[in-house]
Amino acid sequence: MKYLELLAVNNRSNTHARFMSDNTTTVSYINSMGSCKSIECNTITKDIWDWARERNIWLSAAHILGSSNVVADQLSQNLTDLNLE
């Protein structure tokens, strides 16, 4: 379930997109362009960065307190409901 916020990347092109997440794993994977700690998270991160590079998008992420991140948590809950785990 840690990877769900990685799937919340929005569709934009020729820009810099900064994502706010209350999930430190998501922030780390996006900013580091992956990691070797989780194959699943690394694969999703690689797919996100490949998608972004094809559209000339630079991604970055910053941490936000969970209490300030209600909308994104609701969106990731909807992904859970779709059985993407």
PDB file of N, CA and C in Angstrom:
ATOM      1  N   MET A   1       0.816  -1.189   0.000  1.00  0.00           N
ATOM      2  CA  MET A   1       0.000   0.000   0.000  1.00  0.00           C
ATOM      3  C   MET A   1       0.862   1.257   0.000  1.00  0.00           C
ATOM      4  N   LYS A   2       2.140   1.133   0.330  1.00  0.00           N
ATOM      5  CA  LYS A   2       3.036   2.276   0.338  1.00  0.00           C
ATOM      6  C   LYS A   2       3.150   2.922  -1.033  1.00  0.00           C
ATOM      7  N   TYR A   3       2.949   2.146  -2.076  1.00  0.00           N
ATOM      8  CA  TYR A   3       3.162   2.626  -3.435  1.00  0.00           C
ATOM      9  C   TYR A   3       1.987   3.398  -4.020  1.00  0.00           C
ATOM     10  N   LEU A   4       0.848   3.414  -3.371  1.00  0.00           N
ATOM     11  CA  LEU A   4      -0.339   4.017  -3.971  1.00  0.00           C
ATOM     12  C   LEU A   4      -0.175   5.501  -4.272  1.00  0.00           C
ATOM     13  N   GLU A   5       0.516   6.232  -3.400  1.00  0.00           N
ATOM     14  CA  GLU A   5       0.676   7.661  -3.662  1.00  0.00           C
ATOM     15  C   GLU A   5       1.591   7.915  -4.852  1.00  0.00           C
ATOM     16  N   LEU A   6       2.445   6.948  -5.189  1.00  0.00           N
ATOM     17  CA  LEU A   6       3.255   7.088  -6.401  1.00  0.00           C
ATOM     18  C   LEU A   6       2.384   7.072  -7.655  1.00  0.00           C
ATOM     19  N   LEU A   7       1.241   6.436  -7.563  1.00  0.00           N
ATOM     20  CA  LEU A   7       0.338   6.354  -8.716  1.00  0.00           C
ATOM     21  C   LEU A   7      -0.488   7.617  -8.916  1.00  0.00           C
ATOM     22  N   ALA A   8      -0.370   8.575  -8.003  1.00  0.00           N
ATOM     23  CA  ALA A   8      -1.189   9.778  -8.069  1.00  0.00           C
ATOM     24  C   ALA A   8      -0.586  10.878  -8.949  1.00  0.00           C
ATOM     25  N   VAL A   9       0.473  10.571  -9.679  1.00  0.00           N
ATOM     26  CA  VAL A   9       1.115  11.570 -10.533  1.00  0.00           C
ATOM     27  C   VAL A   9       0.129  12.051 -11.595  1.00  0.00           C
ATOM     28  N   ASN A  10       0.042  13.365 -11.756  1.00  0.00           N
ATOM     29  CA  ASN A  10      -0.942  13.973 -12.654  1.00  0.00           C
ATOM     30  C   ASN A  10      -0.392  14.099 -14.075  1.00  0.00           C
ATOM     31  N   ASN A  11      -1.247  14.291 -15.069  1.00  0.00           N
ATOM     32  CA  ASN A  11      -0.864  14.379 -16.476  1.00  0.00           C
ATOM     33  C   ASN A  11      -0.559  15.825 -16.870  1.00  0.00           C
ATOM     34  N   ARG A  12       0.715  16.147 -17.056  1.00  0.00           N
ATOM     35  CA  ARG A  12       1.168  17.484 -17.464  1.00  0.00           C
ATOM     36  C   ARG A  12       2.326  17.308 -18.456  1.00  0.00           C
ATOM     37  N   SER A  13       2.716  18.390 -19.175  1.00  0.00           N
ATOM     38  CA  SER A  13       3.856  18.275 -20.079  1.00  0.00           C
ATOM     39  C   SER A  13       4.669  19.564 -20.111  1.00  0.00           C
ATOM     40  N   ASN A  14       5.958  19.428 -20.467  1.00  0.00           N
ATOM     41  CA  ASN A  14       6.897  20.538 -20.593  1.00  0.00           C
ATOM     42  C   ASN A  14       6.901  21.453 -19.367  1.00  0.00           C
ATOM     43  N   THR A  15       7.076  20.865 -18.192  1.00  0.00           N
ATOM     44  CA  THR A  15       6.984  21.636 -16.970  1.00  0.00           C
ATOM     45  C   THR A  15       7.709  20.931 -15.828  1.00  0.00           C
ATOM     46  N   HIS A  16       7.747  21.588 -14.701  1.00  0.00           N
ATOM     47  CA  HIS A  16       8.200  20.972 -13.463  1.00  0.00           C
ATOM     48  C   HIS A  16       6.968  20.699 -12.627  1.00  0.00           C
ATOM     49  N   ALA A  17       6.845  19.495 -12.126  1.00  0.00           N
ATOM     50  CA  ALA A  17       5.711  19.135 -11.272  1.00  0.00           C
ATOM     51  C   ALA A  17       6.245  18.766  -9.899  1.00  0.00           C
ATOM     52  N   ARG A  18       5.785  19.462  -8.887  1.00  0.00           N
ATOM     53  CA  ARG A  18       6.182  19.180  -7.503  1.00  0.00           C
ATOM     54  C   ARG A  18       4.990  18.569  -6.784  1.00  0.00           C
ATOM     55  N   PHE A  19       5.204  17.414  -6.231  1.00  0.00           N
ATOM     56  CA  PHE A  19       4.147  16.682  -5.558  1.00  0.00           C
ATOM     57  C   PHE A  19       4.346  16.744  -4.061  1.00  0.00           C
ATOM     58  N   MET A  20       3.268  16.949  -3.357  1.00  0.00           N
ATOM     59  CA  MET A  20       3.281  16.975  -1.908  1.00  0.00           C
ATOM     60  C   MET A  20       2.696  15.653  -1.431  1.00  0.00           C
ATOM     61  N   SER A  21       3.397  14.989  -0.515  1.00  0.00           N
ATOM     62  CA  SER A  21       2.933  13.700  -0.023  1.00  0.00           C
ATOM     63  C   SER A  21       3.232  13.572   1.463  1.00  0.00           C
ATOM     64  N   ASP A  22       2.326  12.909   2.174  1.00  0.00           N
ATOM     65  CA  ASP A  22       2.584  12.630   3.575  1.00  0.00           C
ATOM     66  C   ASP A  22       3.314  11.299   3.743  1.00  0.00           C
ATOM     67  N   ASN A  23       3.678  10.700   2.640  1.00  0.00           N
ATOM     68  CA  ASN A  23       4.373   9.424   2.646  1.00  0.00           C
ATOM     69  C   ASN A  23       5.843   9.654   2.321  1.00  0.00           C
ATOM     70  N   THR A  24       6.708   9.459   3.312  1.00  0.00           N
ATOM     71  CA  THR A  24       8.132   9.741   3.110  1.00  0.00           C
ATOM     72  C   THR A  24       8.765   8.795   2.095  1.00  0.00           C
ATOM     73  N   THR A  25       8.216   7.601   1.951  1.00  0.00           N
ATOM     74  CA  THR A  25       8.731   6.673   0.942  1.00  0.00           C
ATOM     75  C   THR A  25       8.491   7.235  -0.456  1.00  0.00           C
ATOM     76  N   THR A  26       7.301   7.756  -0.699  1.00  0.00           N
ATOM     77  CA  THR A  26       6.976   8.359  -1.989  1.00  0.00           C
ATOM     78  C   THR A  26       7.904   9.530  -2.283  1.00  0.00           C
ATOM     79  N   VAL A  27       8.092  10.399  -1.310  1.00  0.00           N
ATOM     80  CA  VAL A  27       8.973  11.560  -1.488  1.00  0.00           C
ATOM     81  C   VAL A  27      10.380  11.092  -1.846  1.00  0.00           C
ATOM     82  N   SER A  28      10.885  10.129  -1.108  1.00  0.00           N
ATOM     83  CA  SER A  28      12.242   9.636  -1.349  1.00  0.00           C
ATOM     84  C   SER A  28      12.387   8.995  -2.724  1.00  0.00           C
ATOM     85  N   TYR A  29      11.444   8.135  -3.095  1.00  0.00           N
ATOM     86  CA  TYR A  29      11.539   7.456  -4.391  1.00  0.00           C
ATOM     87  C   TYR A  29      11.460   8.441  -5.557  1.00  0.00           C
ATOM     88  N   ILE A  30      10.562   9.401  -5.493  1.00  0.00           N
ATOM     89  CA  ILE A  30      10.463  10.379  -6.581  1.00  0.00           C
ATOM     90  C   ILE A  30      11.745  11.201  -6.664  1.00  0.00           C
ATOM     91  N   ASN A  31      12.196  11.736  -5.546  1.00  0.00           N
ATOM     92  CA  ASN A  31      13.377  12.609  -5.561  1.00  0.00           C
ATOM     93  C   ASN A  31      14.660  11.867  -5.902  1.00  0.00           C
ATOM     94  N   SER A  32      14.734  10.581  -5.581  1.00  0.00           N
ATOM     95  CA  SER A  32      15.932   9.787  -5.871  1.00  0.00           C
ATOM     96  C   SER A  32      15.816   9.013  -7.183  1.00  0.00           C
ATOM     97  N   MET A  33      14.667   9.146  -7.854  1.00  0.00           N
ATOM     98  CA  MET A  33      14.395   8.411  -9.091  1.00  0.00           C
ATOM     99  C   MET A  33      14.467   6.906  -8.874  1.00  0.00           C
ATOM    100  N   GLY A  34      14.067   6.470  -7.686  1.00  0.00           N
ATOM    101  CA  GLY A  34      14.030   5.050  -7.375  1.00  0.00           C
ATOM    102  C   GLY A  34      14.933   4.695  -6.209  1.00  0.00           C
ATOM    103  N   SER A  35      14.970   3.402  -5.907  1.00  0.00           N
ATOM    104  CA  SER A  35      15.787   2.874  -4.824  1.00  0.00           C
ATOM    105  C   SER A  35      15.854   1.367  -4.981  1.00  0.00           C
ATOM    106  N   CYS A  36      16.734   0.746  -4.240  1.00  0.00           N
ATOM    107  CA  CYS A  36      16.858  -0.711  -4.315  1.00  0.00           C
ATOM    108  C   CYS A  36      16.151  -1.410  -3.160  1.00  0.00           C
ATOM    109  N   LYS A  37      15.449  -0.660  -2.327  1.00  0.00           N
ATOM    110  CA  LYS A  37      14.830  -1.262  -1.137  1.00  0.00           C
ATOM    111  C   LYS A  37      13.542  -2.013  -1.445  1.00  0.00           C
ATOM    112  N   SER A  38      12.776  -1.568  -2.432  1.00  0.00           N
ATOM    113  CA  SER A  38      11.523  -2.230  -2.795  1.00  0.00           C
ATOM    114  C   SER A  38      11.454  -2.332  -4.316  1.00  0.00           C
ATOM    115  N   ILE A  39      11.421  -3.547  -4.804  1.00  0.00           N
ATOM    116  CA  ILE A  39      11.333  -3.751  -6.257  1.00  0.00           C
ATOM    117  C   ILE A  39      10.045  -3.149  -6.802  1.00  0.00           C
ATOM    118  N   GLU A  40       8.951  -3.339  -6.083  1.00  0.00           N
ATOM    119  CA  GLU A  40       7.654  -2.832  -6.540  1.00  0.00           C
ATOM    120  C   GLU A  40       7.658  -1.301  -6.624  1.00  0.00           C
ATOM    121  N   CYS A  41       8.137  -0.638  -5.557  1.00  0.00           N
ATOM    122  CA  CYS A  41       8.198   0.831  -5.568  1.00  0.00           C
ATOM    123  C   CYS A  41       9.172   1.323  -6.632  1.00  0.00           C
ATOM    124  N   ASN A  42      10.289   0.641  -6.793  1.00  0.00           N
ATOM    125  CA  ASN A  42      11.271   1.049  -7.793  1.00  0.00           C
ATOM    126  C   ASN A  42      10.701   0.928  -9.199  1.00  0.00           C
ATOM    127  N   THR A  43       9.962  -0.136  -9.462  1.00  0.00           N
ATOM    128  CA  THR A  43       9.362  -0.332 -10.787  1.00  0.00           C
ATOM    129  C   THR A  43       8.347   0.764 -11.090  1.00  0.00           C
ATOM    130  N   ILE A  44       7.491   1.073 -10.109  1.00  0.00           N
ATOM    131  CA  ILE A  44       6.505   2.132 -10.312  1.00  0.00           C
ATOM    132  C   ILE A  44       7.203   3.473 -10.519  1.00  0.00           C
ATOM    133  N   THR A  45       8.237   3.740  -9.724  1.00  0.00           N
ATOM    134  CA  THR A  45       8.969   4.996  -9.860  1.00  0.00           C
ATOM    135  C   THR A  45       9.622   5.099 -11.235  1.00  0.00           C
ATOM    136  N   LYS A  46      10.224   4.017 -11.703  1.00  0.00           N
ATOM    137  CA  LYS A  46      10.825   4.014 -13.038  1.00  0.00           C
ATOM    138  C   LYS A  46       9.772   4.305 -14.094  1.00  0.00           C
ATOM    139  N   ASP A  47       8.601   3.691 -13.981  1.00  0.00           N
ATOM    140  CA  ASP A  47       7.512   3.939 -14.943  1.00  0.00           C
ATOM    141  C   ASP A  47       7.080   5.406 -14.907  1.00  0.00           C
ATOM    142  N   ILE A  48       6.976   5.977 -13.705  1.00  0.00           N
ATOM    143  CA  ILE A  48       6.590   7.385 -13.570  1.00  0.00           C
ATOM    144  C   ILE A  48       7.633   8.277 -14.228  1.00  0.00           C
ATOM    145  N   TRP A  49       8.922   8.034 -13.937  1.00  0.00           N
ATOM    146  CA  TRP A  49       9.980   8.863 -14.519  1.00  0.00           C
ATOM    147  C   TRP A  49      10.085   8.683 -16.031  1.00  0.00           C
ATOM    148  N   ASP A  50       9.884   7.465 -16.531  1.00  0.00           N
ATOM    149  CA  ASP A  50       9.876   7.254 -17.991  1.00  0.00           C
ATOM    150  C   ASP A  50       8.746   8.057 -18.630  1.00  0.00           C
ATOM    151  N   TRP A  51       7.567   7.998 -18.020  1.00  0.00           N
ATOM    152  CA  TRP A  51       6.422   8.754 -18.503  1.00  0.00           C
ATOM    153  C   TRP A  51       6.734  10.248 -18.498  1.00  0.00           C
ATOM    154  N   ALA A  52       7.330  10.719 -17.409  1.00  0.00           N
ATOM    155  CA  ALA A  52       7.650  12.146 -17.280  1.00  0.00           C
ATOM    156  C   ALA A  52       8.694  12.582 -18.312  1.00  0.00           C
ATOM    157  N   ARG A  53       9.720  11.786 -18.497  1.00  0.00           N
ATOM    158  CA  ARG A  53      10.777  12.148 -19.471  1.00  0.00           C
ATOM    159  C   ARG A  53      10.212  12.235 -20.887  1.00  0.00           C
ATOM    160  N   GLU A  54       9.297  11.342 -21.218  1.00  0.00           N
ATOM    161  CA  GLU A  54       8.673  11.380 -22.552  1.00  0.00           C
ATOM    162  C   GLU A  54       7.924  12.681 -22.793  1.00  0.00           C
ATOM    163  N   ARG A  55       7.515  13.348 -21.735  1.00  0.00           N
ATOM    164  CA  ARG A  55       6.743  14.589 -21.826  1.00  0.00           C
ATOM    165  C   ARG A  55       7.533  15.817 -21.391  1.00  0.00           C
ATOM    166  N   ASN A  56       8.831  15.626 -21.212  1.00  0.00           N
ATOM    167  CA  ASN A  56       9.712  16.712 -20.783  1.00  0.00           C
ATOM    168  C   ASN A  56       9.246  17.321 -19.455  1.00  0.00           C
ATOM    169  N   ILE A  57       8.973  16.452 -18.496  1.00  0.00           N
ATOM    170  CA  ILE A  57       8.530  16.878 -17.174  1.00  0.00           C
ATOM    171  C   ILE A  57       9.610  16.543 -16.163  1.00  0.00           C
ATOM    172  N   TRP A  58       9.950  17.501 -15.313  1.00  0.00           N
ATOM    173  CA  TRP A  58      10.850  17.248 -14.209  1.00  0.00           C
ATOM    174  C   TRP A  58       9.993  17.116 -12.952  1.00  0.00           C
ATOM    175  N   LEU A  59      10.202  16.048 -12.209  1.00  0.00           N
ATOM    176  CA  LEU A  59       9.414  15.780 -11.019  1.00  0.00           C
ATOM    177  C   LEU A  59      10.222  16.031  -9.753  1.00  0.00           C
ATOM    178  N   SER A  60       9.541  16.494  -8.740  1.00  0.00           N
ATOM    179  CA  SER A  60      10.116  16.545  -7.401  1.00  0.00           C
ATOM    180  C   SER A  60       8.981  16.349  -6.409  1.00  0.00           C
ATOM    181  N   ALA A  61       9.347  15.971  -5.205  1.00  0.00           N
ATOM    182  CA  ALA A  61       8.340  15.734  -4.181  1.00  0.00           C
ATOM    183  C   ALA A  61       8.794  16.348  -2.871  1.00  0.00           C
ATOM    184  N   ALA A  62       7.825  16.764  -2.074  1.00  0.00           N
ATOM    185  CA  ALA A  62       8.099  17.322  -0.757  1.00  0.00           C
ATOM    186  C   ALA A  62       7.128  16.707   0.243  1.00  0.00           C
ATOM    187  N   HIS A  63       7.574  16.624   1.479  1.00  0.00           N
ATOM    188  CA  HIS A  63       6.741  16.044   2.531  1.00  0.00           C
ATOM    189  C   HIS A  63       5.728  17.067   3.037  1.00  0.00           C
ATOM    190  N   ILE A  64       4.531  16.576   3.318  1.00  0.00           N
ATOM    191  CA  ILE A  64       3.467  17.385   3.903  1.00  0.00           C
ATOM    192  C   ILE A  64       2.884  16.565   5.061  1.00  0.00           C
ATOM    193  N   LEU A  65       2.474  17.231   6.100  1.00  0.00           N
ATOM    194  CA  LEU A  65       1.867  16.529   7.232  1.00  0.00           C
ATOM    195  C   LEU A  65       0.607  15.796   6.790  1.00  0.00           C
ATOM    196  N   GLY A  66       0.398  14.616   7.319  1.00  0.00           N
ATOM    197  CA  GLY A  66      -0.775  13.821   6.964  1.00  0.00           C
ATOM    198  C   GLY A  66      -2.081  14.554   7.213  1.00  0.00           C
ATOM    199  N   SER A  67      -2.121  15.349   8.273  1.00  0.00           N
ATOM    200  CA  SER A  67      -3.348  16.090   8.583  1.00  0.00           C
ATOM    201  C   SER A  67      -3.653  17.162   7.547  1.00  0.00           C
ATOM    202  N   SER A  68      -2.659  17.516   6.732  1.00  0.00           N
ATOM    203  CA  SER A  68      -2.836  18.520   5.674  1.00  0.00           C
ATOM    204  C   SER A  68      -3.035  17.881   4.307  1.00  0.00           C
ATOM    205  N   ASN A  69      -3.097  16.570   4.246  1.00  0.00           N
ATOM    206  CA  ASN A  69      -3.086  15.852   2.976  1.00  0.00           C
ATOM    207  C   ASN A  69      -4.344  15.000   2.787  1.00  0.00           C
ATOM    208  N   VAL A  70      -5.465  15.515   3.204  1.00  0.00           N
ATOM    209  CA  VAL A  70      -6.718  14.763   3.219  1.00  0.00           C
ATOM    210  C   VAL A  70      -7.166  14.370   1.811  1.00  0.00           C
ATOM    211  N   VAL A  71      -7.091  15.273   0.850  1.00  0.00           N
ATOM    212  CA  VAL A  71      -7.579  14.988  -0.507  1.00  0.00           C
ATOM    213  C   VAL A  71      -6.774  13.859  -1.150  1.00  0.00           C
ATOM    214  N   ALA A  72      -5.450  13.922  -1.079  1.00  0.00           N
ATOM    215  CA  ALA A  72      -4.625  12.870  -1.676  1.00  0.00           C
ATOM    216  C   ALA A  72      -4.871  11.525  -1.007  1.00  0.00           C
ATOM    217  N   ASP A  73      -5.051  11.520   0.298  1.00  0.00           N
ATOM    218  CA  ASP A  73      -5.344  10.270   0.979  1.00  0.00           C
ATOM    219  C   ASP A  73      -6.673   9.690   0.512  1.00  0.00           C
ATOM    220  N   GLN A  74      -7.652  10.538   0.260  1.00  0.00           N
ATOM    221  CA  GLN A  74      -8.931  10.059  -0.263  1.00  0.00           C
ATOM    222  C   GLN A  74      -8.751   9.466  -1.657  1.00  0.00           C
ATOM    223  N   LEU A  75      -7.915  10.100  -2.482  1.00  0.00           N
ATOM    224  CA  LEU A  75      -7.665   9.590  -3.834  1.00  0.00           C
ATOM    225  C   LEU A  75      -6.954   8.245  -3.777  1.00  0.00           C
ATOM    226  N   SER A  76      -5.961   8.099  -2.900  1.00  0.00           N
ATOM    227  CA  SER A  76      -5.261   6.823  -2.804  1.00  0.00           C
ATOM    228  C   SER A  76      -6.185   5.751  -2.235  1.00  0.00           C
ATOM    229  N   GLN A  77      -7.125   6.112  -1.379  1.00  0.00           N
ATOM    230  CA  GLN A  77      -8.106   5.147  -0.880  1.00  0.00           C
ATOM    231  C   GLN A  77      -8.961   4.632  -2.028  1.00  0.00           C
ATOM    232  N   ASN A  78      -9.309   5.502  -2.987  1.00  0.00           N
ATOM    233  CA  ASN A  78     -10.079   5.061  -4.150  1.00  0.00           C
ATOM    234  C   ASN A  78      -9.290   4.051  -4.972  1.00  0.00           C
ATOM    235  N   LEU A  79      -7.959   4.219  -5.067  1.00  0.00           N
ATOM    236  CA  LEU A  79      -7.125   3.253  -5.768  1.00  0.00           C
ATOM    237  C   LEU A  79      -7.131   1.933  -5.040  1.00  0.00           C
ATOM    238  N   THR A  80      -7.123   1.958  -3.715  1.00  0.00           N
ATOM    239  CA  THR A  80      -7.194   0.730  -2.923  1.00  0.00           C
ATOM    240  C   THR A  80      -8.504  -0.003  -3.206  1.00  0.00           C
ATOM    241  N   ASP A  81      -9.566   0.767  -3.325  1.00  0.00           N
ATOM    242  CA  ASP A  81     -10.876   0.184  -3.614  1.00  0.00           C
ATOM    243  C   ASP A  81     -10.897  -0.537  -4.956  1.00  0.00           C
ATOM    244  N   LEU A  82     -10.002  -0.140  -5.862  1.00  0.00           N
ATOM    245  CA  LEU A  82      -9.929  -0.783  -7.191  1.00  0.00           C
ATOM    246  C   LEU A  82      -9.061  -2.035  -7.177  1.00  0.00           C
ATOM    247  N   ASN A  83      -8.580  -2.423  -5.983  1.00  0.00           N
ATOM    248  CA  ASN A  83      -7.747  -3.621  -5.804  1.00  0.00           C
ATOM    249  C   ASN A  83      -6.451  -3.547  -6.582  1.00  0.00           C
ATOM    250  N   LEU A  84      -5.758  -2.404  -6.521  1.00  0.00           N
ATOM    251  CA  LEU A  84      -4.475  -2.263  -7.199  1.00  0.00           C
ATOM    252  C   LEU A  84      -3.318  -2.725  -6.337  1.00  0.00           C
ATOM    253  N   GLU A  85      -3.582  -3.194  -5.157  1.00  0.00           N
ATOM    254  CA  GLU A  85      -2.509  -3.639  -4.267  1.00  0.00           C
ATOM    255  C   GLU A  85      -1.901  -4.925  -4.783  1.00  0.00           C
TER     256      GLU A  85
END
